[in-house]
Protein backbone atom coordinates (compact mmCIF):
# COMPACT_ATOMS: atom_id res chain seq x y z
CA UNK A 1 -98.65 94.63 -17.46
CA UNK A 2 -101.23 94.48 -14.88
CA UNK A 3 -100.35 92.50 -11.84
CA UNK A 4 -102.67 90.68 -9.56
CA UNK A 5 -101.97 93.29 -6.97
CA UNK A 6 -103.14 96.03 -9.37
CA UNK A 7 -106.13 94.00 -10.14
CA UNK A 8 -107.33 93.71 -6.63
CA UNK A 9 -106.83 97.27 -6.01
CA UNK A 10 -108.67 98.36 -9.13
CA UNK A 11 -111.53 96.21 -7.86
CA UNK A 12 -111.35 97.99 -4.28
CA UNK A 13 -111.39 101.34 -6.21
CA UNK A 14 -114.61 100.58 -8.02
CA UNK A 15 -116.17 99.39 -4.60
CA UNK A 16 -115.26 102.83 -2.98
CA UNK A 17 -116.32 104.96 -5.84
CA UNK A 18 -113.01 106.50 -6.28
CA UNK A 19 -111.71 107.97 -9.57
CA UNK A 20 -108.37 106.47 -11.11
CA UNK A 21 -105.40 108.27 -11.11
CA UNK A 22 -104.65 110.39 -14.18
CA UNK A 23 -102.13 107.92 -15.62
CA UNK A 24 -104.52 104.78 -15.06
CA UNK A 25 -106.42 103.52 -17.76
CA UNK A 26 -109.65 105.16 -18.19
CA UNK A 27 -112.66 103.04 -17.25
CA UNK A 28 -116.43 103.33 -17.53
CA UNK A 29 -117.79 106.48 -15.93
CA UNK A 30 -119.09 106.05 -12.29
CA UNK A 31 -122.36 107.39 -11.15
CA UNK A 32 -123.02 108.87 -7.66
CA UNK A 33 -124.91 105.76 -6.26
CA UNK A 34 -122.57 103.21 -7.47
CA UNK A 35 -119.78 104.39 -4.85
CA UNK A 36 -119.83 103.96 -1.31
CA UNK A 37 -121.15 107.61 -0.55
CA UNK A 38 -124.25 107.11 -2.67
CA UNK A 39 -125.02 103.67 -1.42
CA UNK A 40 -124.61 104.83 2.07
CA UNK A 41 -127.22 107.42 1.59
CA UNK A 42 -129.66 105.30 -0.02
CA UNK A 43 -129.25 102.57 2.59
CA UNK A 44 -129.82 105.08 5.33
CA UNK A 45 -132.76 106.30 3.89
CA UNK A 46 -134.14 102.97 3.08
CA UNK A 47 -133.61 101.80 6.83
CA UNK A 48 -135.44 104.89 8.19
CA UNK A 49 -138.36 104.09 5.65
CA UNK A 50 -138.42 100.46 6.70
CA UNK A 51 -138.51 101.34 10.28
CA UNK A 52 -141.36 103.66 9.77
CA UNK A 53 -142.92 100.92 7.75
CA UNK A 54 -142.79 98.49 10.65
CA UNK A 55 -144.42 101.31 12.88
CA UNK A 56 -147.23 102.06 10.65
CA UNK A 57 -149.81 99.33 11.78
CA UNK A 58 -149.31 100.48 15.46
CA UNK A 59 -149.49 104.28 14.20
CA UNK A 60 -152.50 103.44 12.08
CA UNK A 61 -154.32 101.48 14.78
CA UNK A 62 -154.12 104.49 17.17
CA UNK A 63 -155.20 106.93 14.60
CA UNK A 64 -158.40 104.62 14.04
CA UNK A 65 -159.06 104.54 17.77
CA UNK A 66 -158.62 108.09 18.20
CA UNK A 67 -161.07 108.77 15.32
CA UNK A 68 -163.91 106.61 16.65
CA UNK A 69 -163.78 108.02 20.10
CA UNK A 70 -163.90 111.52 18.70
CA UNK A 71 -167.14 110.39 16.98
CA UNK A 72 -168.32 109.14 20.34
CA UNK A 73 -167.52 112.37 21.94
CA UNK A 74 -169.34 114.31 19.38
CA UNK A 75 -172.31 112.00 19.67
CA UNK A 76 -172.33 112.72 23.51
CA UNK A 77 -172.46 116.42 23.03
CA UNK A 78 -175.47 115.96 20.50
CA UNK A 79 -177.15 113.89 22.86
CA UNK A 80 -176.61 116.68 25.66
CA UNK A 81 -178.39 119.06 23.38
CA UNK A 82 -181.23 116.82 22.75
CA UNK A 83 -181.74 116.31 26.69
CA UNK A 84 -181.82 119.94 27.08
CA UNK A 85 -184.64 120.31 24.65
CA UNK A 86 -188.33 120.70 25.95
CA UNK A 87 -189.75 117.20 26.38
CA UNK A 88 -186.43 115.73 25.20
CA UNK A 89 -187.23 116.02 21.78
CA UNK A 90 -185.99 118.15 18.46
CA UNK A 91 -187.11 118.87 15.40
CA UNK A 92 -186.10 116.86 12.32
CA UNK A 93 -183.98 119.74 11.01
CA UNK A 94 -182.19 120.14 14.28
CA UNK A 95 -181.57 116.36 14.53
CA UNK A 96 -180.14 116.41 10.94
CA UNK A 97 -177.88 119.39 11.89
CA UNK A 98 -176.58 117.77 15.04
CA UNK A 99 -175.89 114.59 13.22
CA UNK A 100 -173.90 116.25 10.59
CA UNK A 101 -171.81 118.35 13.11
CA UNK A 102 -171.18 115.09 14.94
CA UNK A 103 -170.26 113.20 11.51
CA UNK A 104 -172.52 110.30 12.68
CA UNK A 105 -175.72 108.61 11.14
CA UNK A 106 -177.66 108.14 14.27
CA UNK A 107 -177.07 107.99 18.15
CA UNK A 108 -178.71 105.60 20.61
CA UNK A 109 -178.27 105.03 24.18
CA UNK A 110 -178.75 102.27 26.74
CA UNK A 111 -179.68 102.92 30.32
CA UNK A 112 -180.54 100.48 33.07
CA UNK A 113 -184.26 100.07 32.04
CA UNK A 114 -184.31 102.07 28.88
CA UNK A 115 -182.72 101.86 25.29
CA UNK A 116 -183.88 104.23 22.81
CA UNK A 117 -182.59 106.37 19.66
CA UNK A 118 -181.87 109.92 20.65
CA UNK A 119 -180.97 110.85 17.07
CA UNK A 120 -182.60 108.65 14.57
CA UNK A 121 -180.81 107.76 11.37
CA UNK A 122 -180.75 110.66 8.93
CA UNK A 123 -180.44 108.23 5.89
CA UNK A 124 -181.38 104.65 5.09
CA UNK A 125 -179.18 102.17 6.59
CA UNK A 126 -179.40 99.23 4.22
CA UNK A 127 -175.85 97.83 4.07
CA UNK A 128 -173.94 95.66 6.58
CA UNK A 129 -173.75 96.96 10.23
CA UNK A 130 -170.29 96.21 11.83
CA UNK A 131 -170.02 96.08 15.60
CA UNK A 132 -167.09 97.92 17.47
CA UNK A 133 -167.03 97.72 21.02
CA UNK A 134 -164.41 100.37 22.22
CA UNK A 135 -164.60 99.25 25.72
CA UNK A 136 -162.62 95.94 24.84
CA UNK A 137 -160.38 97.14 21.83
CA UNK A 138 -157.05 95.72 22.16
CA UNK A 139 -154.04 96.79 19.90
CA UNK A 140 -154.18 93.77 17.66
CA UNK A 141 -157.88 94.44 17.30
CA UNK A 142 -157.03 97.97 16.32
CA UNK A 143 -154.37 96.69 13.72
CA UNK A 144 -156.75 94.07 12.23
CA UNK A 145 -159.45 96.89 11.98
CA UNK A 146 -157.28 99.19 10.15
CA UNK A 147 -156.56 96.57 7.22
CA UNK A 148 -160.16 95.44 7.29
CA UNK A 149 -161.51 99.12 6.85
CA UNK A 150 -158.86 99.82 4.16
CA UNK A 151 -159.92 96.67 2.14
CA UNK A 152 -163.83 96.83 2.87
CA UNK A 153 -166.41 97.18 0.09
CA UNK A 154 -168.60 100.22 -0.22
CA UNK A 155 -171.78 100.57 1.72
CA UNK A 156 -171.00 99.29 5.13
CA UNK A 157 -171.74 101.20 8.40
CA UNK A 158 -170.23 100.79 11.97
CA UNK A 159 -171.86 100.44 15.15
CA UNK A 160 -169.57 101.93 17.72
CA UNK A 161 -170.22 101.05 21.16
CA UNK A 162 -168.73 103.51 23.68
CA UNK A 163 -169.18 104.30 27.49
CA UNK A 164 -170.34 107.95 27.80
CA UNK A 165 -168.50 110.34 30.08
CA UNK A 166 -171.06 113.07 30.04
CA UNK A 167 -174.19 111.38 30.46
CA UNK A 168 -175.66 108.87 33.04
CA UNK A 169 -176.21 106.35 30.24
CA UNK A 170 -174.50 102.94 30.48
CA UNK A 171 -173.59 102.73 26.83
CA UNK A 172 -173.87 104.69 23.79
CA UNK A 173 -174.07 103.14 20.26
CA UNK A 174 -173.12 105.46 17.31
CA UNK A 175 -173.60 104.45 13.83
CA UNK A 176 -171.00 105.89 11.31
CA UNK A 177 -170.18 105.12 7.61
CA UNK A 178 -167.16 103.29 7.09
CA UNK A 179 -166.15 105.09 4.03
CA UNK A 180 -165.65 108.10 6.22
CA UNK A 181 -163.24 106.04 8.25
CA UNK A 182 -161.55 104.76 5.30
CA UNK A 183 -160.87 108.24 3.76
CA UNK A 184 -159.48 109.18 7.05
CA UNK A 185 -157.21 106.38 7.12
CA UNK A 186 -156.09 107.00 3.47
CA UNK A 187 -155.34 110.68 4.39
CA UNK A 188 -153.37 109.76 7.40
CA UNK A 189 -151.31 107.31 5.41
CA UNK A 190 -150.52 109.77 2.89
CA UNK A 191 -149.50 112.24 5.47
CA UNK A 192 -147.31 109.76 7.18
CA UNK A 193 -145.66 108.76 3.82
CA UNK A 194 -144.62 112.37 3.22
CA UNK A 195 -143.40 112.78 6.67
CA UNK A 196 -141.44 109.63 6.64
CA UNK A 197 -139.68 110.53 3.36
CA UNK A 198 -138.65 113.90 4.77
CA UNK A 199 -137.58 112.37 7.88
CA UNK A 200 -135.73 109.60 6.11
CA UNK A 201 -133.78 112.14 3.87
CA UNK A 202 -133.11 114.52 6.76
CA UNK A 203 -131.85 111.65 8.82
CA UNK A 204 -129.95 109.93 5.91
CA UNK A 205 -128.32 113.08 5.16
CA UNK A 206 -127.13 113.69 8.76
CA UNK A 207 -125.86 110.18 8.98
CA UNK A 208 -124.30 110.46 5.66
CA UNK A 209 -122.34 113.54 6.39
CA UNK A 210 -121.13 112.15 9.74
CA UNK A 211 -119.97 108.76 8.33
CA UNK A 212 -118.58 110.49 5.22
CA UNK A 213 -116.42 112.58 7.51
CA UNK A 214 -115.21 109.95 9.63
CA UNK A 215 -114.97 107.03 7.21
CA UNK A 216 -115.65 107.61 3.54
CA UNK A 217 -113.39 110.68 3.01
CA UNK A 218 -110.18 109.05 4.89
CA UNK A 219 -110.86 105.79 2.79
CA UNK A 220 -111.08 107.86 -0.29
CA UNK A 221 -107.57 109.18 0.42
CA UNK A 222 -106.31 105.76 1.70
CA UNK A 223 -107.54 104.18 -1.63
CA UNK A 224 -106.15 106.85 -3.87
CA UNK A 225 -102.66 106.15 -2.24
CA UNK A 226 -102.97 102.45 -2.82
CA UNK A 227 -104.06 102.92 -6.37
CA UNK A 228 -100.84 105.18 -6.92
CA UNK A 229 -98.84 102.38 -5.12
CA UNK A 230 -100.31 99.59 -7.57
CA UNK A 231 -99.36 101.51 -10.42
CA UNK A 232 -95.73 102.01 -9.17
CA UNK A 233 -95.28 99.48 -6.27
CA UNK A 234 -91.33 100.13 -6.44
CA UNK A 235 -91.65 103.88 -5.50
CA UNK A 236 -94.95 105.02 -4.60
CA UNK A 237 -95.91 105.93 -1.06
CA UNK A 238 -99.34 105.91 0.68
CA UNK A 239 -99.96 109.02 2.14
CA UNK A 240 -100.94 109.31 5.69
CA UNK A 241 -104.70 109.58 6.15
CA UNK A 242 -105.40 112.73 8.39
CA UNK A 243 -108.21 112.54 10.94
CA UNK A 244 -110.83 109.62 10.67
CA UNK A 245 -111.37 107.01 13.35
CA UNK A 246 -108.54 104.71 15.00
CA UNK A 247 -109.52 102.04 12.67
CA UNK A 248 -108.68 104.29 9.74
CA UNK A 249 -105.23 105.14 11.34
CA UNK A 250 -104.61 101.59 12.04
CA UNK A 251 -105.30 100.53 8.52
CA UNK A 252 -103.19 103.46 7.21
CA UNK A 253 -100.30 102.24 9.29
CA UNK A 254 -100.59 98.62 8.40
CA UNK A 255 -100.69 99.63 4.52
CA UNK A 256 -97.69 101.71 4.94
CA UNK A 257 -95.87 98.80 6.41
CA UNK A 258 -97.08 96.54 3.75
CA UNK A 259 -96.14 99.09 1.21
CA UNK A 260 -92.49 99.07 2.56
CA UNK A 261 -92.39 95.25 2.46
CA UNK A 262 -93.87 94.79 -0.98
CA UNK A 263 -91.36 97.51 -2.26
CA UNK A 264 -88.43 95.67 -0.83
CA UNK A 265 -89.82 92.48 -2.18
CA UNK A 266 -90.09 94.06 -5.69
CA UNK A 267 -86.55 95.25 -5.43
CA UNK A 268 -85.30 92.01 -4.39
CA UNK A 269 -86.99 90.06 -6.95
CA UNK A 270 -85.63 92.50 -9.57
CA UNK A 271 -82.01 91.89 -8.22
CA UNK A 272 -82.82 88.07 -8.16
CA UNK A 273 -83.86 88.51 -11.84
CA UNK A 274 -80.77 90.38 -12.82
CA UNK A 275 -78.52 87.93 -10.69
CA UNK A 276 -80.19 84.95 -12.49
CA UNK A 277 -79.46 86.57 -15.92
CA UNK A 278 -75.86 87.45 -14.83
CA UNK A 279 -75.33 83.92 -13.68
CA UNK A 280 -76.60 82.43 -16.70
CA UNK A 281 -74.25 84.59 -18.79
CA UNK A 282 -71.10 83.69 -16.85
CA UNK A 283 -71.87 80.17 -15.88
CA UNK A 284 -70.67 79.12 -19.24
CA UNK A 285 -67.18 80.91 -19.25
CA UNK A 286 -66.77 79.92 -15.63
CA UNK A 287 -67.24 76.26 -16.51
CA UNK A 288 -64.79 76.43 -19.48
CA UNK A 289 -62.32 78.17 -16.83
CA UNK A 290 -62.75 75.54 -14.32
CA UNK A 291 -62.42 72.70 -17.26
CA UNK A 292 -58.89 74.32 -17.91
CA UNK A 293 -58.11 74.24 -14.34
CA UNK A 294 -59.11 70.44 -13.96
CA UNK A 295 -56.91 69.59 -16.82
CA UNK A 296 -53.99 71.19 -15.09
CA UNK A 297 -54.82 69.49 -11.72
CA UNK A 298 -54.97 65.89 -13.67
CA UNK A 299 -51.38 66.90 -15.16
CA UNK A 300 -50.26 67.61 -11.42
CA UNK A 301 -51.45 64.44 -10.25
CA UNK A 302 -48.99 62.60 -12.35
CA UNK A 303 -46.20 64.31 -10.76
CA UNK A 304 -43.79 62.38 -8.80
CA UNK A 305 -43.27 64.99 -6.11
CA UNK A 306 -45.01 63.42 -2.96
CA UNK A 307 -46.45 66.74 -1.75
CA UNK A 308 -47.95 67.37 -5.05
CA UNK A 309 -49.44 63.94 -5.28
CA UNK A 310 -51.19 64.53 -1.80
CA UNK A 311 -52.34 67.85 -2.72
CA UNK A 312 -53.64 67.04 -6.25
CA UNK A 313 -56.60 65.00 -5.22
CA UNK A 314 -57.80 67.73 -2.91
CA UNK A 315 -57.50 70.30 -5.70
CA UNK A 316 -59.52 68.19 -8.23
CA UNK A 317 -62.23 67.85 -5.49
CA UNK A 318 -62.22 71.58 -4.85
CA UNK A 319 -62.44 72.37 -8.76
CA UNK A 320 -65.34 69.94 -9.06
CA UNK A 321 -67.15 71.31 -6.25
CA UNK A 322 -66.68 74.84 -7.83
CA UNK A 323 -68.31 73.48 -10.96
CA UNK A 324 -71.09 72.10 -8.96
CA UNK A 325 -71.68 75.05 -7.00
CA UNK A 326 -71.85 77.21 -10.06
CA UNK A 327 -74.50 75.02 -11.59
CA UNK A 328 -76.41 74.91 -8.11
CA UNK A 329 -76.32 78.71 -8.08
CA UNK A 330 -77.90 78.80 -11.44
CA UNK A 331 -80.43 76.23 -10.47
CA UNK A 332 -81.31 78.48 -7.26
CA UNK A 333 -81.59 81.51 -9.40
CA UNK A 334 -84.16 79.64 -11.63
CA UNK A 335 -86.01 78.45 -8.29
CA UNK A 336 -85.28 74.80 -9.32
CA UNK A 337 -84.67 72.38 -6.45
CA UNK A 338 -81.35 70.43 -6.12
CA UNK A 339 -82.10 66.70 -6.04
CA UNK A 340 -79.92 64.82 -3.73
CA UNK A 341 -78.04 61.72 -4.41
CA UNK A 342 -78.77 59.75 -1.36
CA UNK A 343 -76.53 57.03 -0.06
CA UNK A 344 -75.01 55.83 3.12
CA UNK A 345 -72.57 58.60 4.26
CA UNK A 346 -70.09 58.50 7.26
CA UNK A 347 -70.63 61.87 8.67
CA UNK A 348 -67.30 62.28 10.68
CA UNK A 349 -65.19 61.75 7.66
CA UNK A 350 -67.47 64.08 5.53
CA UNK A 351 -67.28 66.75 8.23
CA UNK A 352 -63.71 66.60 8.65
CA UNK A 353 -63.08 67.17 4.93
CA UNK A 354 -65.47 70.01 4.82
CA UNK A 355 -63.92 71.88 7.66
CA UNK A 356 -60.42 71.65 6.02
CA UNK A 357 -62.03 73.56 3.11
CA UNK A 358 -64.26 75.94 5.11
CA UNK A 359 -61.36 77.05 7.46
CA UNK A 360 -58.74 77.68 4.53
CA UNK A 361 -57.25 80.88 5.45
CA UNK A 362 -58.15 80.74 9.01
CA UNK A 363 -55.05 79.21 10.64
CA UNK A 364 -55.85 81.04 14.05
CA UNK A 365 -59.08 79.00 14.60
CA UNK A 366 -58.80 75.61 16.35
CA UNK A 367 -61.04 72.80 14.91
CA UNK A 368 -62.11 69.66 16.62
CA UNK A 369 -64.77 66.71 16.03
CA UNK A 370 -66.62 65.09 19.00
CA UNK A 371 -68.05 61.85 17.96
CA UNK A 372 -68.59 59.05 20.26
CA UNK A 373 -68.54 56.33 17.38
CA UNK A 374 -68.93 56.55 13.38
CA UNK A 375 -72.37 57.89 12.69
CA UNK A 376 -73.72 56.68 9.41
CA UNK A 377 -76.59 58.86 7.71
CA UNK A 378 -78.71 58.37 4.54
CA UNK A 379 -77.75 61.68 2.69
CA UNK A 380 -76.02 63.25 -0.01
CA UNK A 381 -72.26 63.37 0.98
CA UNK A 382 -71.85 66.33 -1.41
CA UNK A 383 -74.68 68.20 0.15
CA UNK A 384 -73.62 67.66 3.58
CA UNK A 385 -70.15 68.85 2.67
CA UNK A 386 -71.37 72.06 1.36
CA UNK A 387 -73.67 72.80 4.31
CA UNK A 388 -70.95 71.91 6.92
CA UNK A 389 -68.25 74.01 4.82
CA UNK A 390 -70.78 76.82 4.81
CA UNK A 391 -71.32 76.74 8.53
CA UNK A 392 -67.58 76.31 9.37
CA UNK A 393 -66.65 79.08 6.84
CA UNK A 394 -69.09 81.52 8.41
CA UNK A 395 -68.00 80.81 11.95
CA UNK A 396 -64.30 81.22 10.96
CA UNK A 397 -64.86 84.62 9.37
CA UNK A 398 -67.02 85.69 12.20
CA UNK A 399 -64.24 84.90 14.79
CA UNK A 400 -61.40 86.22 12.58
CA UNK A 401 -63.27 89.61 12.03
CA UNK A 402 -64.06 89.89 15.68
CA UNK A 403 -62.44 92.99 17.36
CA UNK A 404 -60.79 92.99 20.68
CA UNK A 405 -60.70 89.32 21.07
CA UNK A 406 -58.72 88.00 23.89
CA UNK A 407 -59.21 84.10 23.61
CA UNK A 408 -58.31 81.63 20.77
CA UNK A 409 -61.17 80.97 18.39
CA UNK A 410 -62.40 77.55 18.47
CA UNK A 411 -65.02 75.65 16.18
CA UNK A 412 -66.27 72.07 17.29
CA UNK A 413 -68.41 69.61 15.47
CA UNK A 414 -70.68 67.30 17.78
CA UNK A 415 -71.75 64.40 15.88
CA UNK A 416 -74.43 61.82 17.47
CA UNK A 417 -77.71 59.91 16.81
CA UNK A 418 -81.00 61.20 18.28
CA UNK A 419 -83.62 58.65 17.57
CA UNK A 420 -84.03 58.15 13.92
CA UNK A 421 -82.00 60.95 13.03
CA UNK A 422 -78.18 61.72 12.63
CA UNK A 423 -77.35 64.99 14.04
CA UNK A 424 -74.43 67.42 13.30
CA UNK A 425 -73.93 70.49 15.57
CA UNK A 426 -71.46 73.16 14.71
CA UNK A 427 -70.48 75.12 17.70
CA UNK A 428 -68.30 78.13 17.87
CA UNK A 429 -67.07 80.77 20.47
CA UNK A 430 -67.63 83.84 18.31
CA UNK A 431 -69.70 86.74 18.66
CA UNK A 432 -72.94 85.03 17.73
CA UNK A 433 -75.60 86.15 15.28
CA UNK A 434 -76.62 90.00 15.58
CA UNK A 435 -80.25 90.01 16.81
CA UNK A 436 -81.68 91.82 13.70
CA UNK A 437 -80.78 88.82 11.34
CA UNK A 438 -82.07 86.01 13.42
CA UNK A 439 -85.33 86.13 12.11
CA UNK A 440 -84.50 86.18 8.50
CA UNK A 441 -81.32 84.33 8.59
CA UNK A 442 -82.27 81.82 6.21
CA UNK A 443 -84.03 84.19 3.63
CA UNK A 444 -82.26 84.64 0.44
CA UNK A 445 -80.48 88.14 0.24
CA UNK A 446 -82.18 89.15 3.46
CA UNK A 447 -78.62 89.95 4.91
CA UNK A 448 -75.59 88.34 6.00
CA UNK A 449 -73.77 88.00 9.37
CA UNK A 450 -70.38 88.01 7.73
CA UNK A 451 -68.82 91.22 6.13
CA UNK A 452 -69.13 91.19 2.52
CA UNK A 453 -71.39 88.24 2.37
CA UNK A 454 -74.49 88.08 -0.08
CA UNK A 455 -77.02 86.39 2.26
CA UNK A 456 -77.34 83.39 0.09
CA UNK A 457 -75.32 80.61 1.65
CA UNK A 458 -77.63 79.68 4.54
CA UNK A 459 -80.66 79.72 2.41
CA UNK A 460 -79.06 77.45 0.06
CA UNK A 461 -77.88 75.31 2.93
CA UNK A 462 -81.25 74.83 4.43
CA UNK A 463 -82.67 74.08 1.00
CA UNK A 464 -80.10 71.14 0.66
CA UNK A 465 -80.97 69.85 4.19
CA UNK A 466 -84.63 69.77 3.51
CA UNK A 467 -83.90 68.04 0.16
CA UNK A 468 -82.50 65.29 2.16
CA UNK A 469 -85.62 65.08 4.27
CA UNK A 470 -83.66 67.05 7.19
CA UNK A 471 -83.47 70.22 8.82
CA UNK A 472 -81.08 73.09 9.42
CA UNK A 473 -81.66 75.56 12.31
CA UNK A 474 -80.11 77.76 14.72
CA UNK A 475 -80.17 75.88 17.88
CA UNK A 476 -78.77 78.61 20.14
CA UNK A 477 -77.34 82.09 19.94
CA UNK A 478 -75.55 84.53 22.21
CA UNK A 479 -72.60 86.63 22.86
CA UNK A 480 -70.44 83.60 23.54
CA UNK A 481 -71.19 82.04 20.00
CA UNK A 482 -73.71 80.16 18.10
CA UNK A 483 -74.84 76.58 17.46
CA UNK A 484 -76.21 75.50 14.28
CA UNK A 485 -78.11 71.78 14.24
CA UNK A 486 -78.12 69.86 11.09
CA UNK A 487 -80.63 66.72 11.12
CA UNK A 488 -80.66 63.94 8.43
CA UNK A 489 -81.98 60.51 8.57
CA UNK A 490 -79.77 57.92 10.04
CA UNK A 491 -79.18 54.60 8.86
CA UNK A 492 -81.54 52.22 10.58
């Protein structure tokens, strides 16, 4: 049967891309990119590509500026060749060659009192002429220009204005076809894309292998142990994860502690189930035996012997409580709460009767009740009797079993009102509760302070107290004894 614990671990196994153990049911075949390793590689590569995509406008704007300035520098060199010619003129053939080498259409200069074309246009410029002043170009202008050139229609020309560095002219105007710049930008984008993919794959691979060794591989081993533990939670162990980060080691330590806790809980639940089954089987025979004893006690009550008459009512009550206790134990095994029968109860009388029952067989322990006046409470007398009898019985056994004891054992009950509550404190001078049992003292079958105890009495006692809208707690504990405090609602 698949448990919720197993289903959760199966889902975690799917997330990490870990194969199921050999004895686990076969599931759909997992592909590489469905696991954490493949997703990590894809995410790393995608993040690198995204970062380069964000930087693309700036890179493309820088390439555009460089390309335009290179055209201006080539035009300056062509202008120097024209100035060196006789009369500052060159033939049409030489002019065409200079324009082709400079990859421009025409070159014009602007001096203080002169403007003229050094190299006239080699082709007919009939389209739009877009001015670009490189002296006042900002980064935003360059980014906007990149997308404008990429989406521009055919046939446009650019009039690039630069400040020459090789001549004495103030400015130089260079006309270039926009299609050439567009082709250069496309080639640059293609090259950047190929470079980005290679860098992303390289960086993604390096990050992948680094994180795989630090996180993924230890997590795979850890998840394998969890899956094995899910298939057999009562006995499987979670293997320690070697290496990895501090977080992985902490997770492994926490999971190993959880595995021990869960395994113990499963074994305890199994014992509880077996106990419930055993109690259910013997409950019928036990009640029949107690019914026979009850008939005998009724016969004894008719005896003329004064001692028998005094003991018979107590015997009947003890037998009836034994019947009720057997039924309550069965109800506790079935996780059914005991419903109290609330009424007005004189706590002092109820406590005294319960103590006589709890101290049966402990004649060496002195008993006393400290109560300034009768204290009335709204409670179930039978439940109060069972709680006090259990506390007194535990204290008496602890005192009786204490070795090297020099002083006489004493158990006292302090009964008083505290606001709207009636309080009963059971105080003893025994050895106290062992420190390792204090935190789980009221947990069923978690351990017992008395030798041979099952660890169920205090759990039932607290359940009975809470059923009466009260509380049972360990008020103090030490080497000189323990104090248990029971609170129940007092009569207004």
